[in-house]
Protein backbone atom coordinates (compact mmCIF):
# COMPACT_ATOMS: atom_id res chain seq x y z
CA MET A 1 -6.46 -4.00 1.62
CA TYR A 2 -4.91 -2.02 -0.75
CA ASN A 3 -6.90 1.22 -0.96
CA GLN A 4 -7.47 2.22 -4.70
CA ARG A 5 -7.44 5.79 -5.00
CA HIS A 6 -7.59 8.07 -7.94
CA ALA A 7 -8.18 12.18 -9.26
CA LYS A 8 -7.62 14.11 -12.70
CA MET A 9 -4.76 14.19 -14.13
CA THR A 10 -3.10 17.14 -16.28
CA SER A 11 -0.74 15.22 -18.70
CA ASN A 12 1.15 11.79 -20.27
CA ARG A 13 4.42 11.97 -20.73
CA LEU A 14 7.50 9.08 -20.04
CA SER A 15 10.01 11.28 -19.41
CA PHE A 16 13.51 9.53 -18.60
CA LEU A 17 16.45 11.65 -17.52
CA ILE A 18 20.15 9.99 -18.26
CA VAL A 19 22.08 9.74 -15.70
CA ALA A 20 25.33 11.35 -14.81
CA MET A 21 28.68 9.37 -13.70
CA LEU A 22 31.55 9.58 -13.30
CA LEU A 23 34.21 6.43 -15.14
CA PHE A 24 37.98 6.01 -14.32
CA GLY A 25 37.81 10.84 -13.53
CA MET A 26 36.14 11.31 -16.91
CA ALA A 27 32.72 11.93 -16.45
CA LYS A 28 30.32 9.88 -18.98
CA SER A 29 26.43 9.25 -19.46
CA GLN A 30 24.21 7.04 -19.02
CA ALA A 31 21.11 6.01 -18.75
CA GLN A 32 19.18 3.12 -17.35
CA VAL A 33 16.59 0.92 -19.52
CA LEU A 34 13.00 0.72 -17.83
CA GLN A 35 11.33 -2.58 -18.72
CA GLU A 36 7.99 -4.40 -18.38
CA ILE A 37 8.47 -7.03 -17.07
CA PHE A 38 4.80 -8.16 -15.36
CA SER A 39 1.19 -7.40 -15.74
CA ASP A 40 -2.03 -8.67 -14.46
CA SER A 41 -5.47 -7.02 -14.15
CA THR A 42 -5.70 -8.56 -10.92
CA LEU A 43 -3.28 -8.56 -9.24
CA VAL A 44 -1.61 -4.97 -7.38
CA ALA A 45 2.56 -5.70 -6.07
CA LEU A 46 2.33 -4.63 -3.11
CA ASP A 47 6.58 -6.04 -2.09
CA MET A 48 8.68 -7.32 -3.83
CA LEU A 49 11.55 -9.57 -2.60
CA TYR A 50 14.48 -11.62 -4.64
CA ILE A 51 15.27 -15.04 -3.14
CA ASN A 52 18.46 -15.50 -5.44
CA ASP A 53 20.11 -13.30 -8.80
CA ASP A 54 16.79 -14.03 -11.05
CA THR A 55 14.07 -14.55 -9.45
CA PHE A 56 11.59 -12.70 -5.98
CA LEU A 57 8.08 -12.83 -4.56
CA VAL A 58 6.19 -10.25 -4.96
CA GLU A 59 3.01 -9.53 -2.06
CA GLU A 60 -0.74 -9.28 -3.00
CA ALA A 61 -3.05 -8.96 0.22
CA THR A 62 -7.05 -8.52 -0.26
CA TYR A 63 -8.96 -8.96 3.33
CA GLN A 64 -9.77 -12.35 2.53
CA HIS A 65 -6.54 -13.84 1.86
CA ILE A 66 -2.39 -13.04 1.53
CA GLY A 67 -0.91 -14.08 -2.06
CA ILE A 68 2.31 -14.33 -2.54
CA TYR A 69 3.61 -14.90 -5.87
CA LYS A 70 6.76 -16.75 -7.45
CA ILE A 71 8.51 -14.60 -10.49
CA ARG A 72 11.31 -15.18 -12.55
CA ASP A 73 13.40 -12.06 -13.88
CA ASP A 74 11.89 -12.26 -17.19
CA GLY A 75 8.50 -11.69 -16.00
CA ILE A 76 7.63 -15.66 -16.23
CA LEU A 77 5.10 -16.99 -13.63
CA ILE A 78 6.18 -19.99 -11.55
CA ASP A 79 4.43 -20.50 -8.44
CA THR A 80 1.62 -19.43 -6.08
CA LEU A 81 0.37 -19.46 -2.47
CA ILE A 82 -2.85 -18.31 -2.09
CA TRP A 83 -3.36 -18.04 2.45
CA HIS A 84 -6.70 -18.13 3.16
CA THR A 85 -7.04 -15.52 6.41
CA GLN A 86 -11.16 -15.03 6.34
CA VAL A 87 -11.30 -18.62 8.56
CA ASP A 88 -14.83 -18.18 11.47
CA LYS A 89 -15.97 -14.55 10.39
CA ALA A 90 -11.84 -12.96 10.63
CA GLU A 91 -10.90 -10.24 8.92
CA LEU A 92 -7.10 -9.97 7.77
CA CYS A 93 -6.98 -6.12 8.55
CA TRP A 94 -2.96 -5.43 8.02
CA THR A 95 -0.24 -6.15 5.94
CA GLY A 96 2.81 -5.94 5.95
CA ARG A 97 6.06 -5.84 3.87
CA LEU A 98 8.01 -9.19 3.27
CA GLN A 99 11.33 -10.14 4.54
CA ARG A 100 13.53 -13.01 5.36
CA PHE A 101 13.63 -14.12 8.30
CA PRO A 102 16.29 -15.47 10.48
CA ASN A 103 16.21 -18.79 9.62
CA GLY A 104 16.88 -18.65 6.53
CA ARG A 105 12.47 -18.46 6.05
CA PHE A 106 10.52 -15.25 4.14
CA GLY A 107 7.33 -13.70 4.62
CA LEU A 108 5.65 -11.03 6.07
CA PHE A 109 3.47 -10.45 9.76
CA TYR A 110 -0.74 -9.74 9.24
CA VAL A 111 -3.20 -8.37 11.97
CA GLN A 112 -6.29 -10.71 11.73
CA VAL A 113 -9.32 -8.81 13.64
CA GLN A 114 -12.34 -11.47 15.00
CA ASP A 115 -15.44 -10.49 17.62
CA SER A 116 -12.46 -6.62 17.61
CA LEU A 117 -9.95 -8.26 18.92
CA ALA A 118 -6.50 -8.48 17.17
CA GLN A 119 -3.75 -10.64 16.93
CA LEU A 120 -0.29 -10.34 15.22
CA LYS A 121 0.55 -13.38 13.48
CA SER A 122 3.06 -14.51 10.70
CA ILE A 123 3.09 -16.32 7.22
CA THR A 124 6.43 -17.91 6.82
CA PHE A 125 7.03 -20.27 3.58
CA ASP A 126 11.04 -21.37 1.88
CA GLU A 127 11.33 -21.23 -1.23
CA SER A 128 8.64 -23.79 -2.90
CA LEU A 129 6.31 -21.48 -1.04
CA ASN A 130 5.95 -24.17 1.95
CA PRO A 131 3.28 -22.77 4.47
CA THR A 132 4.08 -21.74 8.17
CA THR A 133 2.03 -19.72 10.27
CA LYS A 134 3.14 -18.11 13.80
CA SER A 135 0.37 -16.20 16.23
CA TYR A 136 2.62 -13.63 18.59
CA GLY A 137 1.04 -12.84 22.51
CA THR A 138 -2.48 -12.73 22.87
CA LYS A 139 -5.00 -11.05 21.41
CA LEU A 140 -5.97 -6.89 21.48
CA ALA A 141 -8.66 -5.18 22.38
CA ASP A 142 -6.77 -1.74 22.68
CA TRP A 143 -5.60 -2.33 18.99
CA PHE A 144 -7.16 1.01 16.78
CA MET A 145 -9.02 0.28 13.41
CA ASP A 146 -11.40 2.98 12.09
CA ILE A 147 -12.92 3.45 9.08
CA HIS A 148 -10.02 6.24 7.88
CA HIS A 149 -7.94 3.25 7.77
CA ALA A 150 -5.11 4.45 10.44
CA HIS A 151 -4.09 1.52 11.58
CA GLU A 152 -2.79 0.67 7.89
CA TYR A 153 -0.31 3.66 8.54
CA ASN A 154 0.24 3.62 12.56
CA THR A 155 1.20 0.16 12.13
CA TYR A 156 4.51 -1.45 12.95
CA ALA A 157 6.40 -4.55 12.34
CA ILE A 158 9.94 -5.20 13.20
CA LEU A 159 12.21 -8.62 12.65
CA ASN A 160 15.22 -8.59 14.35
CA LYS A 161 18.24 -10.27 13.26
CA ASP A 162 17.77 -12.80 16.93
CA GLY A 163 13.95 -13.63 15.62
CA SER A 164 12.47 -11.31 17.87
CA VAL A 165 9.57 -8.43 17.26
CA PHE A 166 8.81 -5.32 17.91
CA PHE A 167 4.84 -4.48 17.02
CA SER A 168 3.65 -0.88 17.36
CA TYR A 169 -0.39 0.52 16.81
CA LEU A 170 -2.26 2.88 18.08
CA PRO A 171 -4.24 2.08 21.00
CA ASP A 172 -8.18 2.78 20.89
CA SER A 173 -8.38 4.55 24.29
CA LEU A 174 -5.90 6.99 23.35
CA TYR A 175 -6.47 7.64 20.19
CA PHE A 176 -7.91 11.05 19.85
CA GLY A 177 -9.35 11.76 16.20
CA THR A 178 -8.32 13.20 12.62
CA ASP A 179 -7.75 16.11 10.84
CA GLN A 180 -6.54 16.98 7.44
CA PHE A 181 -3.08 16.31 8.53
CA GLY A 182 -3.67 12.63 9.62
CA HIS A 183 -4.48 11.02 12.95
CA GLN A 184 -4.25 12.31 15.91
CA THR A 185 -3.01 10.14 19.02
CA LYS A 186 -1.31 10.70 22.90
CA ALA A 187 0.12 7.53 23.08
CA ILE A 188 1.63 5.10 20.62
CA ARG A 189 2.12 0.97 22.32
CA PHE A 190 4.86 -0.80 21.34
CA LEU A 191 5.37 -4.82 22.05
CA LYS A 192 7.86 -6.88 22.06
CA TYR A 193 7.74 -10.33 21.30
CA ASP A 194 10.66 -13.29 20.99
CA SER A 195 11.86 -15.81 18.60
CA GLU A 196 8.88 -17.89 20.20
CA GLY A 197 6.52 -15.59 19.96
CA THR A 198 5.76 -14.86 23.91
CA MET A 199 5.67 -11.20 24.89
CA VAL A 200 8.80 -10.22 26.89
CA ALA A 201 8.05 -6.30 26.82
CA GLU A 202 6.01 -3.49 26.84
CA ARG A 203 6.17 0.18 26.49
CA LEU A 204 3.50 3.39 26.35
CA PHE A 205 5.37 6.00 23.97
CA THR A 206 3.92 8.80 25.35
CA ASP A 207 7.55 11.27 25.81
CA SER A 208 6.57 15.24 23.92
CA PRO A 209 8.90 17.90 24.31
CA ILE A 210 5.23 20.11 22.82
CA SER A 211 2.83 18.29 23.73
CA ASN A 212 0.82 14.99 24.77
CA LEU A 213 -0.82 14.78 20.79
CA TRP A 214 0.84 14.19 18.00
CA TRP A 215 0.03 13.17 14.32
CA ASP A 216 1.46 10.10 12.89
CA TYR A 217 4.50 8.54 13.15
CA SER A 218 6.97 5.83 11.59
CA ILE A 219 8.98 3.30 12.53
CA PHE A 220 12.13 1.19 11.31
CA PRO A 221 14.79 -0.96 12.73
CA THR A 222 18.25 0.21 14.14
CA SER A 223 21.38 -0.53 12.62
CA ASP A 224 22.28 -3.54 15.22
CA SER A 225 18.46 -5.05 13.95
CA LEU A 226 18.21 -5.14 17.74
CA GLY A 227 15.84 -2.26 18.62
CA CYS A 228 14.05 0.11 16.61
CA ARG A 229 14.21 4.08 15.92
CA PHE A 230 11.24 5.96 15.37
CA VAL A 231 9.55 10.02 14.14
CA THR A 232 6.84 11.63 15.90
CA VAL A 233 5.18 14.24 14.16
CA ARG A 234 3.52 17.09 16.73
CA PRO A 235 2.29 20.79 16.02
CA ASN A 236 4.27 23.90 17.05
CA TYR A 237 2.96 27.03 16.36
CA GLN A 238 2.37 27.22 12.56
CA PHE A 239 4.73 24.88 11.85
CA TYR A 240 5.43 20.97 12.59
CA VAL A 241 8.05 19.45 14.65
CA PHE A 242 9.46 15.87 13.39
CA SER A 243 11.60 14.36 16.77
CA GLY A 244 13.75 10.94 15.81
CA TYR A 245 14.37 8.12 18.68
CA THR A 246 16.07 4.88 19.28
CA MET A 247 14.77 2.51 21.33
CA ASN A 248 17.00 -0.55 22.67
CA ALA A 249 16.32 -4.51 23.14
CA ASN A 250 14.75 -4.01 26.08
CA LEU A 251 12.25 -0.58 24.86
CA ASP A 252 14.13 1.82 26.68
CA ILE A 253 14.66 5.22 25.32
CA VAL A 254 18.98 6.06 24.13
CA LEU A 255 18.34 8.80 21.91
CA SER A 256 15.90 11.48 20.83
CA ARG A 257 16.26 14.86 18.94
CA PHE A 258 13.38 17.55 18.30
CA ASN A 259 13.44 18.62 15.07
CA ILE A 260 15.02 16.29 12.59
CA TYR A 261 14.65 18.19 10.14
CA ASN A 262 16.85 21.16 10.57
CA LEU A 263 18.34 21.40 7.48
CA THR A 264 15.17 22.19 5.57
CA HIS A 265 13.02 23.91 8.18
CA PRO A 266 10.22 25.79 7.79
CA LEU A 267 9.95 22.83 5.06
CA PHE A 268 6.85 20.29 6.45
CA PRO A 269 7.46 17.14 5.11
CA GLU A 270 3.61 16.58 4.62
CA SER A 271 3.73 12.34 3.96
CA ARG A 272 6.88 10.61 4.56
CA TYR A 273 8.48 7.54 4.56
CA PHE A 274 11.90 6.71 6.82
CA ALA A 275 14.09 3.60 5.95
CA THR A 276 17.67 2.54 7.68
CA ASN A 277 20.30 1.55 5.51
CA PRO A 278 21.39 -1.96 6.49
CA PHE A 279 24.68 -1.61 5.00
CA ASN A 280 25.42 1.69 6.32
CA GLY A 281 23.20 2.40 9.41
CA LYS A 282 22.01 6.09 7.89
CA ILE A 283 18.30 7.27 7.92
CA TYR A 284 16.87 7.90 4.62
CA SER A 285 13.80 9.55 3.80
CA ILE A 286 11.65 10.78 0.79
CA SER A 287 9.19 13.38 1.48
CA PRO A 288 6.59 15.67 -0.64
CA MET A 289 7.69 19.06 1.22
CA PHE A 290 5.61 21.88 2.16
CA MET A 291 5.71 25.60 3.15
CA PRO A 292 3.39 28.60 3.33
CA GLU A 293 4.62 31.90 2.03
CA TRP A 294 6.60 32.72 4.81
CA GLN A 295 9.01 36.04 5.42
CA GLY A 296 9.05 36.22 1.81
CA GLU A 297 9.45 32.83 0.47
CA PRO A 298 7.20 31.64 -2.37
CA ALA A 299 5.01 28.95 -0.66
CA VAL A 300 6.54 25.26 -1.75
CA ASN A 301 3.41 22.94 -2.48
CA ARG A 302 4.39 19.12 -1.54
CA GLU A 303 7.19 18.55 -4.17
CA ILE A 304 9.84 15.77 -3.32
CA VAL A 305 13.25 16.19 -1.16
CA MET A 306 15.27 13.05 -0.17
CA THR A 307 17.67 12.84 2.12
CA VAL A 308 19.99 10.82 4.78
CA PHE A 309 20.57 11.58 8.47
CA ASN A 310 23.57 10.07 10.75
CA GLU A 311 22.51 7.29 13.16
CA ASN A 312 21.75 10.61 16.06
CA PHE A 313 19.34 12.19 13.38
CA THR A 314 21.25 15.07 12.31
CA GLN A 315 20.14 15.56 9.09
CA THR A 316 23.51 16.05 6.65
CA ASN A 317 21.85 16.10 3.38
CA TYR A 318 19.28 16.29 1.25
CA VAL A 319 18.49 17.39 -2.87
CA TRP A 320 15.23 18.21 -4.49
CA GLY A 321 13.25 15.29 -6.58
CA ALA A 322 11.37 15.94 -9.52
CA GLU A 323 11.21 20.12 -9.09
CA GLY A 324 8.03 22.27 -10.28
CA HIS A 325 5.06 19.18 -9.53
CA GLU A 326 3.09 19.53 -6.35
CA ASN A 327 0.61 17.74 -4.39
CA CYS A 328 3.13 15.15 -4.79
CA GLN A 329 2.56 11.46 -1.94
CA VAL A 330 5.14 9.20 -1.20
CA ALA A 331 4.63 4.97 -2.61
CA ASN A 332 1.47 3.17 -1.41
CA PHE A 333 3.57 0.55 0.65
CA LYS A 334 7.08 1.32 0.43
CA SER A 335 8.87 3.47 -1.25
CA ILE A 336 12.84 3.46 -0.21
CA ASP A 337 15.46 0.64 -0.68
CA PHE A 338 18.68 0.06 -0.67
CA SER A 339 21.31 -1.51 -2.93
CA PRO A 340 24.52 -2.95 -1.67
CA ASP A 341 26.70 -0.66 -4.15
CA GLY A 342 25.13 2.16 -1.81
CA THR A 343 22.88 2.73 -4.12
CA VAL A 344 19.28 4.03 -2.68
CA PHE A 345 16.77 3.60 -5.08
CA MET A 346 13.15 6.08 -3.66
CA LEU A 347 9.51 6.00 -5.11
CA SER A 348 7.52 8.55 -4.91
CA ARG A 349 4.06 9.76 -6.72
CA LEU A 350 4.06 12.41 -8.78
CA GLY A 351 1.56 15.23 -8.31
CA ASP A 352 -2.45 15.13 -8.01
CA TYR A 353 -2.49 10.71 -8.55
CA GLY A 354 -1.55 9.46 -11.62
CA GLY A 355 2.51 9.61 -11.93
CA TYR A 356 5.39 8.42 -10.75
CA PHE A 357 8.83 10.04 -9.19
CA LEU A 358 11.69 7.47 -9.10
CA GLY A 359 14.73 8.60 -7.88
CA TRP A 360 17.95 7.13 -7.27
CA VAL A 361 21.67 8.60 -4.52
CA ASP A 362 24.02 7.40 -3.57
CA GLU A 363 25.37 6.77 0.30
CA ASN A 364 25.53 10.13 1.34
CA GLY A 365 22.31 11.95 -0.02
CA ASN A 366 23.79 13.00 -3.60
CA LYS A 367 21.81 12.30 -6.53
CA LEU A 368 22.90 9.78 -9.37
CA GLY A 369 19.33 9.98 -11.36
CA GLU A 370 15.16 9.86 -11.55
CA ILE A 371 13.21 8.95 -14.42
CA PHE A 372 9.38 10.14 -13.73
CA LEU A 373 6.34 9.98 -15.31
CA GLU A 374 3.41 13.06 -15.64
CA GLY A 375 -0.28 10.97 -15.53
CA GLY A 376 -2.85 12.55 -17.85
CA GLN A 377 -5.80 10.18 -18.73
CA LEU A 378 -3.90 6.51 -17.37
CA LEU A 379 -3.33 7.06 -13.60
CA TYR A 380 -0.03 5.24 -11.95
CA GLU A 381 0.15 5.35 -8.28
CA PRO A 382 3.25 3.76 -6.92
CA ILE A 383 3.38 1.01 -4.60
CA SER A 384 6.83 -0.26 -4.13
CA VAL A 385 10.64 -0.65 -4.71
CA SER A 386 13.14 -3.14 -3.92
CA CYS A 387 16.34 -3.29 -5.53
CA CYS A 388 18.44 -5.89 -7.68
CA PRO A 389 21.08 -8.26 -7.11
CA SER A 390 22.46 -7.35 -10.22
CA GLY A 391 22.07 -3.48 -10.12
CA GLY A 392 18.94 -1.95 -10.91
CA CYS A 393 15.44 -1.94 -9.07
CA LEU A 394 11.55 -3.11 -9.44
CA PHE A 395 9.09 -0.83 -8.71
CA SER A 396 5.12 -1.46 -8.80
CA VAL A 397 2.15 0.53 -9.74
CA TYR A 398 -1.46 0.41 -9.99
CA PHE A 399 -2.92 1.24 -13.79
CA TYR A 400 -5.89 1.88 -14.60
CA ASP A 401 -7.21 4.05 -17.61
CA THR A 402 -9.81 6.87 -17.49
CA GLU A 403 -11.00 6.56 -20.71
CA THR A 404 -11.12 2.44 -21.71
CA HIS A 405 -11.75 2.03 -17.17
CA GLU A 406 -8.86 -0.60 -17.96
CA LYS A 407 -7.17 -1.74 -14.46
CA LYS A 408 -3.97 -3.35 -13.59
CA GLY A 409 -0.58 -3.39 -11.67
CA ILE A 410 2.60 -3.38 -13.70
CA ILE A 411 5.87 -4.62 -12.32
CA TYR A 412 8.84 -2.58 -14.06
CA LYS A 413 12.73 -3.20 -14.07
CA LEU A 414 15.58 -0.51 -14.29
CA THR A 415 18.63 -2.68 -15.27
CA ASP A 416 20.98 -1.81 -17.45
CA PRO A 417 23.10 1.25 -19.31
CA LEU A 418 22.07 2.66 -22.71
CA ASP A 419 23.40 5.64 -24.44
CA VAL A 420 20.27 8.34 -25.76
CA ASP A 421 19.40 7.37 -29.45
CA GLU A 422 18.79 3.62 -27.87
CA ALA A 423 16.55 5.46 -25.03
CA HIS A 424 14.22 7.03 -27.67
CA GLU A 425 14.35 3.60 -29.17
CA ALA A 426 12.71 2.58 -26.24
CA GLY A 427 10.73 5.22 -25.28
CA PHE A 428 12.13 8.09 -23.21
CA ALA A 429 13.52 11.40 -23.21
CA VAL A 430 15.79 12.85 -21.99
CA ALA A 431 15.43 15.89 -21.51
CA THR A 432 11.85 17.66 -20.09
CA ALA A 433 10.49 21.71 -19.83
CA TYR A 434 8.30 22.97 -17.17
CA PRO A 435 6.52 24.66 -16.26
CA ASN A 436 4.37 23.71 -19.08
CA PRO A 437 2.22 25.69 -20.09
CA GLY A 438 4.79 28.21 -18.85
CA GLY A 439 4.73 32.23 -17.43
CA ASN A 440 8.35 34.24 -17.14
CA THR A 441 10.56 30.97 -16.24
CA LEU A 442 11.38 28.25 -18.32
CA ASN A 443 13.02 25.01 -16.16
CA ILE A 444 15.36 23.15 -18.76
CA ARG A 445 15.51 19.46 -16.97
CA THR A 446 17.88 16.89 -17.51
CA ALA A 447 21.19 15.01 -16.33
CA LEU A 448 22.60 15.42 -19.55
CA HIS A 449 26.52 16.95 -18.84
CA ASP A 450 28.61 18.95 -21.47
CA ALA A 451 25.09 19.91 -22.74
CA ILE A 452 23.55 23.19 -24.07
CA VAL A 453 19.96 24.25 -24.49
CA GLU A 454 18.61 27.03 -27.34
CA VAL A 455 15.72 28.17 -27.50
CA PHE A 456 13.49 29.29 -30.69
CA ASP A 457 10.32 31.72 -31.47
CA MET A 458 7.96 29.73 -34.08
CA ASN A 459 9.72 31.78 -36.98
CA GLY A 460 12.73 29.75 -36.34
CA ARG A 461 14.15 32.30 -34.80
CA LEU A 462 16.84 31.93 -32.35
CA ILE A 463 16.30 33.60 -28.73
CA HIS A 464 17.93 31.52 -26.34
CA ARG A 465 21.11 30.17 -26.08
CA GLN A 466 22.50 28.83 -23.01
CA ALA A 467 24.56 26.13 -21.50
CA ILE A 468 23.45 23.60 -18.36
CA THR A 469 25.79 23.36 -15.73
CA ASP A 470 22.60 21.22 -13.35
CA ASN A 471 20.00 19.15 -13.16
CA THR A 472 17.84 22.22 -14.06
CA THR A 473 18.00 25.21 -15.62
CA LEU A 474 16.56 28.30 -15.12
CA ILE A 475 15.95 30.90 -18.57
CA ASP A 476 14.53 33.97 -17.76
CA ALA A 477 11.55 34.30 -20.08
CA THR A 478 10.44 38.13 -18.25
CA GLY A 479 10.78 39.92 -21.86
CA TRP A 480 9.58 37.21 -24.65
CA ALA A 481 6.47 37.40 -26.34
CA GLU A 482 3.15 34.97 -25.38
CA GLY A 483 3.24 32.13 -27.80
CA VAL A 484 4.68 29.02 -28.52
CA TYR A 485 8.19 27.89 -28.23
CA VAL A 486 10.85 25.18 -29.76
CA TRP A 487 13.38 24.04 -26.70
CA LYS A 488 16.09 21.95 -28.39
CA VAL A 489 18.92 20.27 -26.10
CA PHE A 490 22.55 19.40 -27.37
CA SER A 491 24.98 16.88 -25.94
CA GLY A 492 28.46 14.90 -27.77
CA GLY A 493 27.77 17.69 -30.55
CA LYS A 494 23.90 16.33 -31.96
CA GLU A 495 20.63 17.50 -30.80
CA ALA A 496 19.71 15.05 -27.78
CA GLU A 497 15.61 15.88 -26.91
CA THR A 498 13.72 18.74 -28.11
CA GLY A 499 10.57 19.42 -27.42
CA LYS A 500 7.56 22.36 -27.82
CA TRP A 501 6.64 25.28 -25.22
CA LEU A 502 3.69 27.67 -24.48
CA LYS A 503 3.93 31.02 -22.88
CA CYS A 504 1.79 32.12 -21.12
CA LYS A 505 0.63 35.48 -18.65
């Protein structure tokens, strides 16, 4: 089920950026500590879900089985459930994320295909991992499945609070094909099942204000957990338009909005992940944005943007993630999760594979902090993020060493505050310079407040000094000679970070 994707990376460094937070009206610098709490050579954590304050579940799947692992907060494996799905030549072709069911059990949905017929099923279990399965409706002859794995990214099952289920997929007879932008379809089929698994409603969605063809879609719950929201992508001349829709419990369209990325248009989110915040009803997305050179504006090549919309799909705020890193993508399985304290965590791939970006914003979309790792010999493919009951989050990656060929799944935990010295002791950097090598602009990225950056040539001569007032400080290096420079960031009267930067033509 997990599609391993590898590519060549350029550098290897774990960069940690301090979170600046207001405490009793005073600016106080803090950071979070990042711990590797679990790793396994065969386990890739598709999703994680806490079942109490110190224990969480991990989902893993192959074409033959679903694996559920019960793990303690300190990384101790407590129990394992392996559910074999390859019975009578049936094949497991899609799995959804872990969810808490209304009856108090935990579980997930999956699609099993046998003799070209697909069926939606669920497996649920209690805290002791005692399993129960259920089949939904009759077998489906038109569920699309092809060698490009379009079904893995265009199949969704939404669990509502009354136990009903919205299931959506691309119908085989209306699938148009694929190109460099994604999978093209003329329709999306929506099915609704009641809590007993009986189909009670059906809709073939073909509405389109532009054309009868679009690339991909995303579906996620409504704030009342009785309907669903979804976003479609359609061509519009040289750009692409994202439209948002809300369906009620009867599969009726009760809201539609054309071009929901109105604040960032004409930037095009080349891949995207949407989610509804269950605590405030708002919609959040993380998207690597793309735009060719247009009307004198420079090109943007898939740089990360975190966005918030209101319940009517009106874009209210957005913030850039790790600027200067091109060819980013959303995480493989679950890119967004929500904490009860209002913090929203978002996970993305950084650059041409091999690195990850984890950012966190408040409920209004204002950035609180971020960490990112730039891959090199070591490849880190981000998979999923999940909030912790005590604050912070878990996130999973697939790790591959291109020289030793070591492979493993890793689960990290982002936890308690620490100061700059403790960050360094943990191996984190609190500031970074990019692009490196660079040209006429040197960018210093840090979340330290009340800080200063100084740049020295190789003779130790101070050539530039500047106050840091934002997460990214731009330094004009136009008149500097080619060569190596040393930059230093000072905070609280002492040196917080230093590094070398190479200027080229």
